[in-house]
Amino acid sequence: MSISDAQLQKMATYIRSYILRTAEMHGHRNAFFRANARWTHTLNTAQNLKLILEGENAPADVRDVTEVAALFHDIDHYTVQHEYHAARGAETATRFLTKEGYDPAFVKRVAKCVREHDRDLDDNIPIDKQVAELVATLDLECRMVMDADTLDKIGVSNILQAVMSMSSADKRQVVDAARELTSGWPLQRAKLWKALLTTETGKRLGEERFAFYETFLKQVEVEIVMHDPYTEVTSMQEVAPLSST
């Protein structure tokens, strides 16, 4: 089967409204903003997937399955605790696609990709061993959706999300964001996501985005003065009078 643009549009309309409605129903703060951010992430994931599909030379049936799964993958982000959102999302996708009359085998494959896109890491097992296990046991189409999701956590999107989260709490200055971005943990987190990529195309894109991240942070350190070399004037210190001219 081939999924048409009209079919994708109908799914997108349903998913976007579902994300907003559930964010509001479950009382999430700034529900409209958060729902739109989640939808942007969904679009980024779908775009990443297209790059992976091209790189992996995926057949038409895999393209159909994964493109639909990418749209549905975070649909239940706000209805349950994070560790359950993939399983719940698979159920929601199954209900919608079944009601719309899609072939049961197709629906089953989409649901599996949605359900498997998010995996908990075991801190007691090396990352490379966990990734090897995924490669050995998980279908390529599921891993492509997983990689497409992971790629949005590396590079430009990661940087913008970090800056926005830093500025939302209070009126921070540019230097505050610069200090936090270059503190080490944002790059370390991106490095972890890069290590979780499993497809050849995903790994290549991950390396490119991580390299950009490193270059950007180095440039931040070059351009932004992090530490004021001059003593700050306090109310107890004499301040130079303003010129009368």
C-alpha atoms as a PDB file:
ATOM      1  CA  MET A   1       0.000   0.000   0.000  1.00  0.00           C
ATOM      2  CA  SER A   2       1.015   3.624  -0.435  1.00  0.00           C
ATOM      3  CA  ILE A   3       0.074   6.332   2.043  1.00  0.00           C
ATOM      4  CA  SER A   4      -1.216   9.461   0.297  1.00  0.00           C
ATOM      5  CA  ASP A   5      -0.617  13.061   1.312  1.00  0.00           C
ATOM      6  CA  ALA A   6      -4.322  13.342   2.168  1.00  0.00           C
ATOM      7  CA  GLN A   7      -4.050  10.383   4.533  1.00  0.00           C
ATOM      8  CA  LEU A   8      -0.978  11.856   6.209  1.00  0.00           C
ATOM      9  CA  GLN A   9      -2.788  15.184   6.534  1.00  0.00           C
ATOM     10  CA  LYS A  10      -5.719  13.504   8.287  1.00  0.00           C
ATOM     11  CA  MET A  11      -3.357  11.743  10.703  1.00  0.00           C
ATOM     12  CA  ALA A  12      -1.451  14.965  11.370  1.00  0.00           C
ATOM     13  CA  THR A  13      -4.636  16.884  12.127  1.00  0.00           C
ATOM     14  CA  TYR A  14      -5.758  14.205  14.569  1.00  0.00           C
ATOM     15  CA  ILE A  15      -2.378  13.864  16.284  1.00  0.00           C
ATOM     16  CA  ARG A  16      -1.770  17.596  16.695  1.00  0.00           C
ATOM     17  CA  SER A  17      -5.221  18.176  18.209  1.00  0.00           C
ATOM     18  CA  TYR A  18      -4.852  15.077  20.423  1.00  0.00           C
ATOM     19  CA  ILE A  19      -1.532  16.313  21.828  1.00  0.00           C
ATOM     20  CA  LEU A  20      -2.979  19.760  22.615  1.00  0.00           C
ATOM     21  CA  ARG A  21      -6.195  18.367  24.071  1.00  0.00           C
ATOM     22  CA  THR A  22      -4.436  15.889  26.342  1.00  0.00           C
ATOM     23  CA  ALA A  23      -1.876  18.452  27.504  1.00  0.00           C
ATOM     24  CA  GLU A  24      -4.768  20.681  28.553  1.00  0.00           C
ATOM     25  CA  MET A  25      -6.838  17.865  30.075  1.00  0.00           C
ATOM     26  CA  HIS A  26      -3.973  16.613  32.212  1.00  0.00           C
ATOM     27  CA  GLY A  27      -3.279  20.080  33.574  1.00  0.00           C
ATOM     28  CA  HIS A  28       0.190  20.609  32.190  1.00  0.00           C
ATOM     29  CA  ARG A  29       1.532  24.096  32.776  1.00  0.00           C
ATOM     30  CA  ASN A  30       1.683  26.178  29.600  1.00  0.00           C
ATOM     31  CA  ALA A  31      -0.180  23.403  27.796  1.00  0.00           C
ATOM     32  CA  PHE A  32      -0.499  25.257  24.479  1.00  0.00           C
ATOM     33  CA  PHE A  33       3.219  26.081  24.345  1.00  0.00           C
ATOM     34  CA  ARG A  34       4.267  22.571  25.364  1.00  0.00           C
ATOM     35  CA  ALA A  35       1.903  20.897  22.903  1.00  0.00           C
ATOM     36  CA  ASN A  36       3.212  23.005  20.037  1.00  0.00           C
ATOM     37  CA  ALA A  37       6.795  22.214  21.056  1.00  0.00           C
ATOM     38  CA  ARG A  38       5.926  18.509  21.062  1.00  0.00           C
ATOM     39  CA  TRP A  39       4.401  18.841  17.603  1.00  0.00           C
ATOM     40  CA  THR A  40       7.540  20.597  16.349  1.00  0.00           C
ATOM     41  CA  HIS A  41       9.579  17.690  17.720  1.00  0.00           C
ATOM     42  CA  THR A  42       7.250  15.327  15.865  1.00  0.00           C
ATOM     43  CA  LEU A  43       7.821  17.194  12.605  1.00  0.00           C
ATOM     44  CA  ASN A  44      11.584  17.173  13.185  1.00  0.00           C
ATOM     45  CA  THR A  45      11.463  13.430  13.808  1.00  0.00           C
ATOM     46  CA  ALA A  46       9.504  12.890  10.593  1.00  0.00           C
ATOM     47  CA  GLN A  47      12.045  14.970   8.678  1.00  0.00           C
ATOM     48  CA  ASN A  48      14.961  13.071  10.216  1.00  0.00           C
ATOM     49  CA  LEU A  49      13.259   9.848   9.225  1.00  0.00           C
ATOM     50  CA  LYS A  50      13.124  10.873   5.563  1.00  0.00           C
ATOM     51  CA  LEU A  51      16.903  11.393   5.632  1.00  0.00           C
ATOM     52  CA  ILE A  52      17.408   7.968   7.194  1.00  0.00           C
ATOM     53  CA  LEU A  53      15.045   6.273   4.731  1.00  0.00           C
ATOM     54  CA  GLU A  54      16.998   7.768   1.836  1.00  0.00           C
ATOM     55  CA  GLY A  55      20.331   6.807   3.338  1.00  0.00           C
ATOM     56  CA  GLU A  56      19.224   3.258   4.067  1.00  0.00           C
ATOM     57  CA  ASN A  57      17.535   2.910   0.650  1.00  0.00           C
ATOM     58  CA  ALA A  58      14.373   1.656   2.374  1.00  0.00           C
ATOM     59  CA  PRO A  59      11.633  -0.046   0.309  1.00  0.00           C
ATOM     60  CA  ALA A  60       8.207   1.557  -0.134  1.00  0.00           C
ATOM     61  CA  ASP A  61       6.411  -0.529   2.498  1.00  0.00           C
ATOM     62  CA  VAL A  62       8.995   0.391   5.146  1.00  0.00           C
ATOM     63  CA  ARG A  63       8.643   4.054   4.205  1.00  0.00           C
ATOM     64  CA  ASP A  64       4.868   3.894   4.714  1.00  0.00           C
ATOM     65  CA  VAL A  65       5.132   2.151   8.074  1.00  0.00           C
ATOM     66  CA  THR A  66       7.855   4.381   9.489  1.00  0.00           C
ATOM     67  CA  GLU A  67       6.439   7.693   8.253  1.00  0.00           C
ATOM     68  CA  VAL A  68       3.146   6.954   9.995  1.00  0.00           C
ATOM     69  CA  ALA A  69       4.928   5.715  13.123  1.00  0.00           C
ATOM     70  CA  ALA A  70       7.038   8.888  13.265  1.00  0.00           C
ATOM     71  CA  LEU A  71       3.873  10.995  13.335  1.00  0.00           C
ATOM     72  CA  PHE A  72       2.309   8.891  16.100  1.00  0.00           C
ATOM     73  CA  HIS A  73       5.426   8.214  18.177  1.00  0.00           C
ATOM     74  CA  ASP A  74       4.828  10.860  20.883  1.00  0.00           C
ATOM     75  CA  ILE A  75       1.055  11.211  20.658  1.00  0.00           C
ATOM     76  CA  ASP A  76       0.583  10.122  24.279  1.00  0.00           C
ATOM     77  CA  HIS A  77       3.443  12.159  25.693  1.00  0.00           C
ATOM     78  CA  TYR A  78       1.066  13.948  28.075  1.00  0.00           C
ATOM     79  CA  THR A  79      -1.410  11.223  29.014  1.00  0.00           C
ATOM     80  CA  VAL A  80       0.849   8.959  31.099  1.00  0.00           C
ATOM     81  CA  GLN A  81       4.220   8.984  32.832  1.00  0.00           C
ATOM     82  CA  HIS A  82       7.075   9.169  30.331  1.00  0.00           C
ATOM     83  CA  GLU A  83       8.107   5.518  30.664  1.00  0.00           C
ATOM     84  CA  TYR A  84       4.656   4.443  29.462  1.00  0.00           C
ATOM     85  CA  HIS A  85       4.062   6.929  26.657  1.00  0.00           C
ATOM     86  CA  ALA A  86       5.385   4.671  23.888  1.00  0.00           C
ATOM     87  CA  ALA A  87       3.137   1.743  24.849  1.00  0.00           C
ATOM     88  CA  ARG A  88       0.107   4.017  25.194  1.00  0.00           C
ATOM     89  CA  GLY A  89       0.940   5.694  21.903  1.00  0.00           C
ATOM     90  CA  ALA A  90       0.986   2.302  20.168  1.00  0.00           C
ATOM     91  CA  GLU A  91      -2.532   1.671  21.496  1.00  0.00           C
ATOM     92  CA  THR A  92      -3.780   5.058  20.297  1.00  0.00           C
ATOM     93  CA  ALA A  93      -2.240   4.570  16.856  1.00  0.00           C
ATOM     94  CA  THR A  94      -3.824   1.121  16.607  1.00  0.00           C
ATOM     95  CA  ARG A  95      -7.285   2.471  17.448  1.00  0.00           C
ATOM     96  CA  PHE A  96      -7.067   5.309  14.940  1.00  0.00           C
ATOM     97  CA  LEU A  97      -5.635   3.279  12.068  1.00  0.00           C
ATOM     98  CA  THR A  98      -8.014   0.381  12.641  1.00  0.00           C
ATOM     99  CA  LYS A  99     -11.004   2.735  12.679  1.00  0.00           C
ATOM    100  CA  GLU A 100      -9.750   4.265   9.421  1.00  0.00           C
ATOM    101  CA  GLY A 101      -9.695   0.831   7.801  1.00  0.00           C
ATOM    102  CA  TYR A 102      -5.957   0.246   7.385  1.00  0.00           C
ATOM    103  CA  ASP A 103      -4.714  -3.295   6.857  1.00  0.00           C
ATOM    104  CA  PRO A 104      -4.220  -5.106  10.210  1.00  0.00           C
ATOM    105  CA  ALA A 105      -0.671  -6.179   9.285  1.00  0.00           C
ATOM    106  CA  PHE A 106       0.237  -2.572   8.494  1.00  0.00           C
ATOM    107  CA  VAL A 107      -1.317  -1.355  11.738  1.00  0.00           C
ATOM    108  CA  LYS A 108       0.629  -3.963  13.704  1.00  0.00           C
ATOM    109  CA  ARG A 109       3.944  -2.851  12.194  1.00  0.00           C
ATOM    110  CA  VAL A 110       3.230   0.822  12.896  1.00  0.00           C
ATOM    111  CA  ALA A 111       2.236   0.041  16.481  1.00  0.00           C
ATOM    112  CA  LYS A 112       5.433  -1.917  17.042  1.00  0.00           C
ATOM    113  CA  CYS A 113       7.584   0.988  15.838  1.00  0.00           C
ATOM    114  CA  VAL A 114       5.725   3.414  18.105  1.00  0.00           C
ATOM    115  CA  ARG A 115       5.977   1.058  21.079  1.00  0.00           C
ATOM    116  CA  GLU A 116       9.689   0.365  20.578  1.00  0.00           C
ATOM    117  CA  HIS A 117      10.900   3.892  19.810  1.00  0.00           C
ATOM    118  CA  ASP A 118      11.688   4.620  23.466  1.00  0.00           C
ATOM    119  CA  ARG A 119      13.855   2.314  25.567  1.00  0.00           C
ATOM    120  CA  ASP A 120      15.048   2.687  29.152  1.00  0.00           C
ATOM    121  CA  LEU A 121      18.810   2.408  29.576  1.00  0.00           C
ATOM    122  CA  ASP A 122      20.388   0.110  32.125  1.00  0.00           C
ATOM    123  CA  ASP A 123      23.121   2.000  33.954  1.00  0.00           C
ATOM    124  CA  ASN A 124      24.804  -1.320  34.819  1.00  0.00           C
ATOM    125  CA  ILE A 125      25.333  -2.323  31.185  1.00  0.00           C
ATOM    126  CA  PRO A 126      27.744  -0.505  28.812  1.00  0.00           C
ATOM    127  CA  ILE A 127      25.977   1.582  26.163  1.00  0.00           C
ATOM    128  CA  ASP A 128      27.669  -0.216  23.275  1.00  0.00           C
ATOM    129  CA  LYS A 129      26.357  -3.576  24.511  1.00  0.00           C
ATOM    130  CA  GLN A 130      22.826  -2.215  24.819  1.00  0.00           C
ATOM    131  CA  VAL A 131      23.007  -0.798  21.298  1.00  0.00           C
ATOM    132  CA  ALA A 132      24.341  -4.119  19.970  1.00  0.00           C
ATOM    133  CA  GLU A 133      21.374  -5.847  21.593  1.00  0.00           C
ATOM    134  CA  LEU A 134      18.981  -3.449  19.880  1.00  0.00           C
ATOM    135  CA  VAL A 135      20.600  -4.070  16.502  1.00  0.00           C
ATOM    136  CA  ALA A 136      20.378  -7.827  17.007  1.00  0.00           C
ATOM    137  CA  THR A 137      16.790  -7.960  18.225  1.00  0.00           C
ATOM    138  CA  LEU A 138      14.869  -4.982  16.807  1.00  0.00           C
ATOM    139  CA  ASP A 139      13.571  -4.616  13.262  1.00  0.00           C
ATOM    140  CA  LEU A 140      15.383  -2.073  11.088  1.00  0.00           C
ATOM    141  CA  GLU A 141      12.182  -0.091  10.535  1.00  0.00           C
ATOM    142  CA  CYS A 142      11.720   0.302  14.286  1.00  0.00           C
ATOM    143  CA  ARG A 143      15.351   1.343  14.709  1.00  0.00           C
ATOM    144  CA  MET A 144      14.968   3.945  11.978  1.00  0.00           C
ATOM    145  CA  VAL A 145      12.095   5.568  13.872  1.00  0.00           C
ATOM    146  CA  MET A 146      14.112   5.375  17.088  1.00  0.00           C
ATOM    147  CA  ASP A 147      17.113   7.026  15.417  1.00  0.00           C
ATOM    148  CA  ALA A 148      14.937   9.733  13.865  1.00  0.00           C
ATOM    149  CA  ASP A 149      13.647  10.586  17.346  1.00  0.00           C
ATOM    150  CA  THR A 150      17.128  10.525  18.880  1.00  0.00           C
ATOM    151  CA  LEU A 151      18.623  12.787  16.216  1.00  0.00           C
ATOM    152  CA  ASP A 152      16.346  15.619  17.308  1.00  0.00           C
ATOM    153  CA  LYS A 153      18.170  15.575  20.651  1.00  0.00           C
ATOM    154  CA  ILE A 154      21.529  16.357  19.027  1.00  0.00           C
ATOM    155  CA  GLY A 155      22.625  19.565  17.353  1.00  0.00           C
ATOM    156  CA  VAL A 156      20.546  22.679  16.666  1.00  0.00           C
ATOM    157  CA  SER A 157      17.301  21.483  18.242  1.00  0.00           C
ATOM    158  CA  ASN A 158      19.117  20.466  21.417  1.00  0.00           C
ATOM    159  CA  ILE A 159      20.853  23.853  21.631  1.00  0.00           C
ATOM    160  CA  LEU A 160      17.654  25.841  21.125  1.00  0.00           C
ATOM    161  CA  GLN A 161      15.743  23.731  23.659  1.00  0.00           C
ATOM    162  CA  ALA A 162      18.503  24.189  26.213  1.00  0.00           C
ATOM    163  CA  VAL A 163      18.596  27.974  25.753  1.00  0.00           C
ATOM    164  CA  MET A 164      14.800  28.239  25.939  1.00  0.00           C
ATOM    165  CA  SER A 165      14.612  26.150  29.101  1.00  0.00           C
ATOM    166  CA  MET A 166      17.291  28.305  30.704  1.00  0.00           C
ATOM    167  CA  SER A 167      15.497  31.547  29.868  1.00  0.00           C
ATOM    168  CA  SER A 168      12.022  30.403  30.910  1.00  0.00           C
ATOM    169  CA  ALA A 169      12.748  30.345  34.644  1.00  0.00           C
ATOM    170  CA  ASP A 170      13.832  33.963  34.999  1.00  0.00           C
ATOM    171  CA  LYS A 171      15.298  36.945  33.178  1.00  0.00           C
ATOM    172  CA  ARG A 172      18.715  35.482  32.522  1.00  0.00           C
ATOM    173  CA  GLN A 173      21.410  37.274  30.593  1.00  0.00           C
ATOM    174  CA  VAL A 174      23.215  35.926  27.523  1.00  0.00           C
ATOM    175  CA  VAL A 175      26.259  35.194  29.637  1.00  0.00           C
ATOM    176  CA  ASP A 176      24.195  32.972  31.960  1.00  0.00           C
ATOM    177  CA  ALA A 177      23.077  30.830  29.037  1.00  0.00           C
ATOM    178  CA  ALA A 178      26.622  30.756  27.687  1.00  0.00           C
ATOM    179  CA  ARG A 179      27.993  29.537  31.006  1.00  0.00           C
ATOM    180  CA  GLU A 180      25.416  26.793  31.297  1.00  0.00           C
ATOM    181  CA  LEU A 181      25.751  25.662  27.695  1.00  0.00           C
ATOM    182  CA  THR A 182      29.522  25.363  28.049  1.00  0.00           C
ATOM    183  CA  SER A 183      29.384  23.775  31.504  1.00  0.00           C
ATOM    184  CA  GLY A 184      29.819  20.314  30.047  1.00  0.00           C
ATOM    185  CA  TRP A 185      26.531  18.575  30.745  1.00  0.00           C
ATOM    186  CA  PRO A 186      24.672  19.658  27.561  1.00  0.00           C
ATOM    187  CA  LEU A 187      27.433  18.260  25.340  1.00  0.00           C
ATOM    188  CA  GLN A 188      27.721  15.144  27.488  1.00  0.00           C
ATOM    189  CA  ARG A 189      23.997  14.514  27.091  1.00  0.00           C
ATOM    190  CA  ALA A 190      24.238  14.961  23.315  1.00  0.00           C
ATOM    191  CA  LYS A 191      27.179  12.531  23.283  1.00  0.00           C
ATOM    192  CA  LEU A 192      25.031   9.950  25.044  1.00  0.00           C
ATOM    193  CA  TRP A 193      22.251  10.331  22.487  1.00  0.00           C
ATOM    194  CA  LYS A 194      24.795   9.977  19.670  1.00  0.00           C
ATOM    195  CA  ALA A 195      26.014   6.705  21.160  1.00  0.00           C
ATOM    196  CA  LEU A 196      22.471   5.300  21.026  1.00  0.00           C
ATOM    197  CA  LEU A 197      22.086   5.608  17.244  1.00  0.00           C
ATOM    198  CA  THR A 198      21.858   2.222  15.534  1.00  0.00           C
ATOM    199  CA  THR A 199      21.509   2.746  11.772  1.00  0.00           C
ATOM    200  CA  GLU A 200      24.432   3.654   9.525  1.00  0.00           C
ATOM    201  CA  THR A 201      22.698   6.800   8.283  1.00  0.00           C
ATOM    202  CA  GLY A 202      21.636   7.758  11.779  1.00  0.00           C
ATOM    203  CA  LYS A 203      25.213   7.404  13.012  1.00  0.00           C
ATOM    204  CA  ARG A 204      26.548   9.552  10.161  1.00  0.00           C
ATOM    205  CA  LEU A 205      23.988  12.287  10.800  1.00  0.00           C
ATOM    206  CA  GLY A 206      24.639  12.064  14.516  1.00  0.00           C
ATOM    207  CA  GLU A 207      28.362  12.596  14.004  1.00  0.00           C
ATOM    208  CA  GLU A 208      27.692  15.627  11.797  1.00  0.00           C
ATOM    209  CA  ARG A 209      25.315  17.209  14.295  1.00  0.00           C
ATOM    210  CA  PHE A 210      27.525  16.482  17.267  1.00  0.00           C
ATOM    211  CA  ALA A 211      30.493  18.052  15.461  1.00  0.00           C
ATOM    212  CA  PHE A 212      28.401  21.172  14.873  1.00  0.00           C
ATOM    213  CA  TYR A 213      27.454  21.188  18.560  1.00  0.00           C
ATOM    214  CA  GLU A 214      31.115  21.050  19.585  1.00  0.00           C
ATOM    215  CA  THR A 215      32.063  23.803  17.139  1.00  0.00           C
ATOM    216  CA  PHE A 216      29.202  26.012  18.302  1.00  0.00           C
ATOM    217  CA  LEU A 217      30.136  25.674  21.968  1.00  0.00           C
ATOM    218  CA  LYS A 218      33.769  26.472  21.204  1.00  0.00           C
ATOM    219  CA  GLN A 219      32.629  29.604  19.388  1.00  0.00           C
ATOM    220  CA  VAL A 220      30.485  30.573  22.392  1.00  0.00           C
ATOM    221  CA  GLU A 221      33.621  30.440  24.523  1.00  0.00           C
ATOM    222  CA  VAL A 222      35.488  32.575  21.973  1.00  0.00           C
ATOM    223  CA  GLU A 223      32.841  35.279  21.637  1.00  0.00           C
ATOM    224  CA  ILE A 224      31.178  35.532  25.058  1.00  0.00           C
ATOM    225  CA  VAL A 225      33.065  36.971  28.021  1.00  0.00           C
ATOM    226  CA  MET A 226      32.121  34.625  30.848  1.00  0.00           C
ATOM    227  CA  HIS A 227      33.900  36.371  33.697  1.00  0.00           C
ATOM    228  CA  ASP A 228      33.961  40.125  34.233  1.00  0.00           C
ATOM    229  CA  PRO A 229      37.616  41.152  34.813  1.00  0.00           C
ATOM    230  CA  TYR A 230      36.594  44.388  36.510  1.00  0.00           C
ATOM    231  CA  THR A 231      35.434  44.823  40.081  1.00  0.00           C
ATOM    232  CA  GLU A 232      31.721  45.507  40.298  1.00  0.00           C
ATOM    233  CA  VAL A 233      30.784  48.860  41.811  1.00  0.00           C
ATOM    234  CA  THR A 234      28.648  48.565  44.943  1.00  0.00           C
ATOM    235  CA  SER A 235      26.515  51.150  46.699  1.00  0.00           C
ATOM    236  CA  MET A 236      29.290  51.597  49.279  1.00  0.00           C
ATOM    237  CA  GLN A 237      31.836  52.528  46.643  1.00  0.00           C
ATOM    238  CA  GLU A 238      32.291  55.931  45.121  1.00  0.00           C
ATOM    239  CA  VAL A 239      30.786  56.266  41.658  1.00  0.00           C
ATOM    240  CA  ALA A 240      32.363  58.640  39.168  1.00  0.00           C
ATOM    241  CA  PRO A 241      30.163  61.734  38.689  1.00  0.00           C
ATOM    242  CA  LEU A 242      28.425  62.249  35.369  1.00  0.00           C
ATOM    243  CA  SER A 243      29.974  64.752  33.040  1.00  0.00           C
ATOM    244  CA  SER A 244      28.268  68.153  33.050  1.00  0.00           C
ATOM    245  CA  THR A 245      28.985  68.714  29.379  1.00  0.00           C
END
